[in-house]
Each structure stands twice: as structure tokens, then as C-alpha cells.
Amino acid sequence: MAIQGIFFGLDLASLTALKTNYLTCLNAIAVAGQSYSISGRTFTRANLAEVSQLLAETQTAIERLNGTRATQVYPRFGTS
């Protein structure tokens, strides 16, 4: 999935906190799995793909804020 820039504009402290939380979430999924049951009730953690995408979004925003993000621009020539 492509980066959408949903966290662009946030300050570094907020982005760092989000990144830490997403890493913690990924760790919980990796250690305990995406779902578990207690007393006959089933609980599901966040979707691994969604958390991975949000982590990538956060990292991209941090790199952009720090000026370390490489951006590719493709020119389009012609009238259309």
C-alpha cells in the first residue's frame, strides 16, 4: 500500500509516541497472536497489515519532518 501522508503535520513528539505505540502493538501481535479467548469470549487485536501500514506512515512522517525522506518526482510531458 502506498504512503498516504496521514500523519504529515504532526510534531516530532507526537510522531515518536505513535511509533512507540505501533511497535508495542506489533510486538503484542507477534507474541500473543491476533486473537485470544478468555472465559469463552474471543477477542481480536488490531490487524497486522493495518498496524504495519500505520507504522510505515509514522516513519515516513518522521523522516519528512527531519528532512531525511527521499522523494521521487516523475515529470509528465504533454497536454494530457
N, C-alpha and C. Protein backbone atom coordinates (compact mmCIF):
# COMPACT_ATOMS: atom_id res chain seq x y z
N MET A 1 0.84 -1.18 0.00
CA MET A 1 0.00 0.00 0.00
C MET A 1 0.88 1.24 0.00
N ALA A 2 0.48 2.24 -0.73
CA ALA A 2 1.25 3.47 -0.85
C ALA A 2 1.09 4.34 0.40
N ILE A 3 2.10 5.13 0.64
CA ILE A 3 2.06 6.08 1.76
C ILE A 3 1.08 7.19 1.42
N GLN A 4 0.19 7.49 2.36
CA GLN A 4 -0.85 8.49 2.14
C GLN A 4 -0.53 9.82 2.81
N GLY A 5 0.43 9.82 3.74
CA GLY A 5 0.79 11.07 4.41
C GLY A 5 -0.21 11.49 5.47
N ILE A 6 -0.87 10.52 6.10
CA ILE A 6 -1.92 10.85 7.06
C ILE A 6 -1.39 11.50 8.33
N PHE A 7 -0.09 11.35 8.61
CA PHE A 7 0.48 11.94 9.82
C PHE A 7 1.33 13.17 9.53
N PHE A 8 1.40 13.61 8.28
CA PHE A 8 2.15 14.81 7.95
C PHE A 8 1.55 15.99 8.70
N GLY A 9 2.40 16.81 9.27
CA GLY A 9 1.92 17.97 10.01
C GLY A 9 1.97 17.79 11.52
N LEU A 10 2.10 16.54 11.98
CA LEU A 10 2.22 16.32 13.43
C LEU A 10 3.63 16.64 13.88
N ASP A 11 3.77 17.03 15.15
CA ASP A 11 5.09 17.34 15.68
C ASP A 11 5.86 16.06 15.99
N LEU A 12 7.17 16.19 16.17
CA LEU A 12 8.05 15.04 16.37
C LEU A 12 7.69 14.24 17.62
N ALA A 13 7.33 14.91 18.70
CA ALA A 13 6.98 14.20 19.94
C ALA A 13 5.75 13.31 19.72
N SER A 14 4.75 13.81 19.04
CA SER A 14 3.54 13.02 18.76
C SER A 14 3.86 11.84 17.85
N LEU A 15 4.67 12.09 16.82
CA LEU A 15 5.05 11.02 15.89
C LEU A 15 5.86 9.94 16.59
N THR A 16 6.76 10.35 17.46
CA THR A 16 7.58 9.37 18.20
C THR A 16 6.70 8.54 19.13
N ALA A 17 5.74 9.17 19.79
CA ALA A 17 4.82 8.43 20.66
C ALA A 17 3.98 7.44 19.86
N LEU A 18 3.48 7.87 18.70
CA LEU A 18 2.71 6.97 17.85
C LEU A 18 3.56 5.77 17.41
N LYS A 19 4.79 6.05 16.99
CA LYS A 19 5.66 4.98 16.54
C LYS A 19 5.90 3.97 17.66
N THR A 20 6.14 4.45 18.86
CA THR A 20 6.34 3.57 20.01
C THR A 20 5.11 2.72 20.26
N ASN A 21 3.94 3.32 20.19
CA ASN A 21 2.68 2.58 20.41
C ASN A 21 2.45 1.53 19.32
N TYR A 22 2.73 1.86 18.07
CA TYR A 22 2.55 0.89 16.99
C TYR A 22 3.55 -0.26 17.11
N LEU A 23 4.78 0.04 17.53
CA LEU A 23 5.76 -1.03 17.75
C LEU A 23 5.32 -1.95 18.89
N THR A 24 4.77 -1.37 19.95
CA THR A 24 4.25 -2.16 21.06
C THR A 24 3.10 -3.05 20.60
N CYS A 25 2.24 -2.50 19.77
CA CYS A 25 1.11 -3.27 19.22
C CYS A 25 1.61 -4.42 18.35
N LEU A 26 2.59 -4.14 17.48
CA LEU A 26 3.16 -5.21 16.64
C LEU A 26 3.78 -6.30 17.49
N ASN A 27 4.46 -5.91 18.55
CA ASN A 27 5.07 -6.88 19.46
C ASN A 27 4.00 -7.75 20.12
N ALA A 28 2.91 -7.15 20.56
CA ALA A 28 1.82 -7.91 21.19
C ALA A 28 1.22 -8.91 20.21
N ILE A 29 1.05 -8.51 18.97
CA ILE A 29 0.52 -9.42 17.95
C ILE A 29 1.49 -10.56 17.70
N ALA A 30 2.78 -10.22 17.62
CA ALA A 30 3.80 -11.24 17.34
C ALA A 30 3.93 -12.25 18.48
N VAL A 31 3.82 -11.79 19.71
CA VAL A 31 4.00 -12.66 20.87
C VAL A 31 2.73 -13.47 21.16
N ALA A 32 1.59 -12.82 21.15
CA ALA A 32 0.36 -13.48 21.59
C ALA A 32 -0.60 -13.82 20.45
N GLY A 33 -0.33 -13.38 19.25
CA GLY A 33 -1.23 -13.64 18.14
C GLY A 33 -2.29 -12.56 18.00
N GLN A 34 -3.07 -12.65 16.94
CA GLN A 34 -4.07 -11.62 16.68
C GLN A 34 -5.36 -11.82 17.46
N SER A 35 -5.61 -13.02 17.95
CA SER A 35 -6.84 -13.22 18.72
C SER A 35 -6.57 -14.15 19.90
N TYR A 36 -7.43 -14.05 20.89
CA TYR A 36 -7.31 -14.89 22.07
C TYR A 36 -8.69 -15.03 22.71
N SER A 37 -8.84 -16.00 23.57
CA SER A 37 -10.12 -16.25 24.24
C SER A 37 -9.94 -16.26 25.75
N ILE A 38 -10.92 -15.69 26.43
CA ILE A 38 -10.97 -15.70 27.89
C ILE A 38 -12.40 -16.03 28.29
N SER A 39 -12.56 -17.08 29.05
CA SER A 39 -13.88 -17.49 29.55
C SER A 39 -14.91 -17.60 28.44
N GLY A 40 -14.51 -18.16 27.32
CA GLY A 40 -15.45 -18.37 26.24
C GLY A 40 -15.67 -17.17 25.34
N ARG A 41 -15.08 -16.04 25.68
CA ARG A 41 -15.21 -14.85 24.84
C ARG A 41 -13.95 -14.70 24.00
N THR A 42 -14.12 -14.39 22.73
CA THR A 42 -12.99 -14.23 21.83
C THR A 42 -12.72 -12.75 21.59
N PHE A 43 -11.45 -12.39 21.68
CA PHE A 43 -11.03 -11.01 21.46
C PHE A 43 -10.02 -10.99 20.31
N THR A 44 -10.08 -9.95 19.50
CA THR A 44 -9.17 -9.83 18.36
C THR A 44 -8.39 -8.52 18.48
N ARG A 45 -7.08 -8.63 18.33
CA ARG A 45 -6.22 -7.44 18.33
C ARG A 45 -6.33 -6.76 16.97
N ALA A 46 -5.63 -5.67 16.84
CA ALA A 46 -5.60 -4.94 15.58
C ALA A 46 -5.05 -5.82 14.46
N ASN A 47 -5.43 -5.51 13.26
CA ASN A 47 -4.98 -6.24 12.08
C ASN A 47 -3.50 -5.95 11.84
N LEU A 48 -2.71 -7.00 11.65
CA LEU A 48 -1.27 -6.87 11.48
C LEU A 48 -0.92 -5.98 10.29
N ALA A 49 -1.60 -6.15 9.18
CA ALA A 49 -1.33 -5.34 7.99
C ALA A 49 -1.61 -3.86 8.24
N GLU A 50 -2.70 -3.56 8.94
CA GLU A 50 -3.05 -2.17 9.23
C GLU A 50 -2.03 -1.53 10.16
N VAL A 51 -1.60 -2.26 11.18
CA VAL A 51 -0.61 -1.73 12.11
C VAL A 51 0.72 -1.50 11.39
N SER A 52 1.10 -2.42 10.52
CA SER A 52 2.33 -2.26 9.75
C SER A 52 2.26 -1.03 8.85
N GLN A 53 1.11 -0.81 8.23
CA GLN A 53 0.93 0.37 7.37
C GLN A 53 1.01 1.65 8.19
N LEU A 54 0.38 1.67 9.36
CA LEU A 54 0.42 2.86 10.21
C LEU A 54 1.84 3.13 10.71
N LEU A 55 2.59 2.08 10.99
CA LEU A 55 3.98 2.24 11.39
C LEU A 55 4.79 2.86 10.24
N ALA A 56 4.57 2.40 9.02
CA ALA A 56 5.25 2.96 7.85
C ALA A 56 4.86 4.43 7.64
N GLU A 57 3.58 4.74 7.83
CA GLU A 57 3.11 6.13 7.72
C GLU A 57 3.82 7.02 8.75
N THR A 58 3.93 6.51 9.97
CA THR A 58 4.57 7.26 11.04
C THR A 58 6.04 7.49 10.73
N GLN A 59 6.74 6.44 10.31
CA GLN A 59 8.16 6.56 9.98
C GLN A 59 8.38 7.54 8.84
N THR A 60 7.53 7.51 7.83
CA THR A 60 7.64 8.43 6.70
C THR A 60 7.45 9.87 7.17
N ALA A 61 6.49 10.10 8.04
CA ALA A 61 6.26 11.46 8.56
C ALA A 61 7.46 11.94 9.38
N ILE A 62 8.06 11.04 10.16
CA ILE A 62 9.25 11.41 10.94
C ILE A 62 10.40 11.77 10.00
N GLU A 63 10.62 10.95 8.98
CA GLU A 63 11.70 11.22 8.02
C GLU A 63 11.46 12.53 7.27
N ARG A 64 10.22 12.79 6.93
CA ARG A 64 9.89 14.03 6.23
C ARG A 64 10.14 15.23 7.12
N LEU A 65 9.75 15.12 8.39
CA LEU A 65 9.95 16.21 9.35
C LEU A 65 11.43 16.47 9.59
N ASN A 66 12.22 15.41 9.64
CA ASN A 66 13.66 15.54 9.86
C ASN A 66 14.43 15.91 8.61
N GLY A 67 13.78 15.87 7.46
CA GLY A 67 14.44 16.18 6.21
C GLY A 67 15.29 15.03 5.67
N THR A 68 15.02 13.81 6.15
CA THR A 68 15.80 12.66 5.71
C THR A 68 15.01 11.77 4.75
N ARG A 69 13.83 12.16 4.36
CA ARG A 69 12.98 11.39 3.46
C ARG A 69 13.31 11.74 2.02
N ALA A 70 13.68 10.75 1.24
CA ALA A 70 13.93 10.95 -0.19
C ALA A 70 12.60 10.89 -0.92
N THR A 71 12.36 11.85 -1.78
CA THR A 71 11.11 11.91 -2.52
C THR A 71 11.41 11.82 -4.01
N GLN A 72 10.67 10.99 -4.71
CA GLN A 72 10.82 10.88 -6.15
C GLN A 72 9.70 11.64 -6.83
N VAL A 73 10.08 12.43 -7.81
CA VAL A 73 9.10 13.19 -8.57
C VAL A 73 9.24 12.77 -10.02
N TYR A 74 8.14 12.43 -10.65
CA TYR A 74 8.14 12.00 -12.04
C TYR A 74 7.46 13.07 -12.89
N PRO A 75 8.22 13.70 -13.80
CA PRO A 75 7.61 14.72 -14.65
C PRO A 75 6.71 14.08 -15.70
N ARG A 76 5.69 14.82 -16.08
CA ARG A 76 4.79 14.37 -17.13
C ARG A 76 4.77 15.41 -18.21
N PHE A 77 5.15 15.02 -19.40
CA PHE A 77 5.20 15.96 -20.53
C PHE A 77 4.03 15.71 -21.46
N GLY A 78 3.54 16.73 -22.03
CA GLY A 78 2.41 16.58 -22.96
C GLY A 78 1.24 17.40 -22.48
N THR A 79 0.15 17.32 -23.22
CA THR A 79 -1.02 18.13 -22.91
C THR A 79 -2.01 17.39 -22.02
N SER A 80 -1.90 16.09 -21.89
CA SER A 80 -2.90 15.39 -21.08
C SER A 80 -2.35 14.91 -19.78
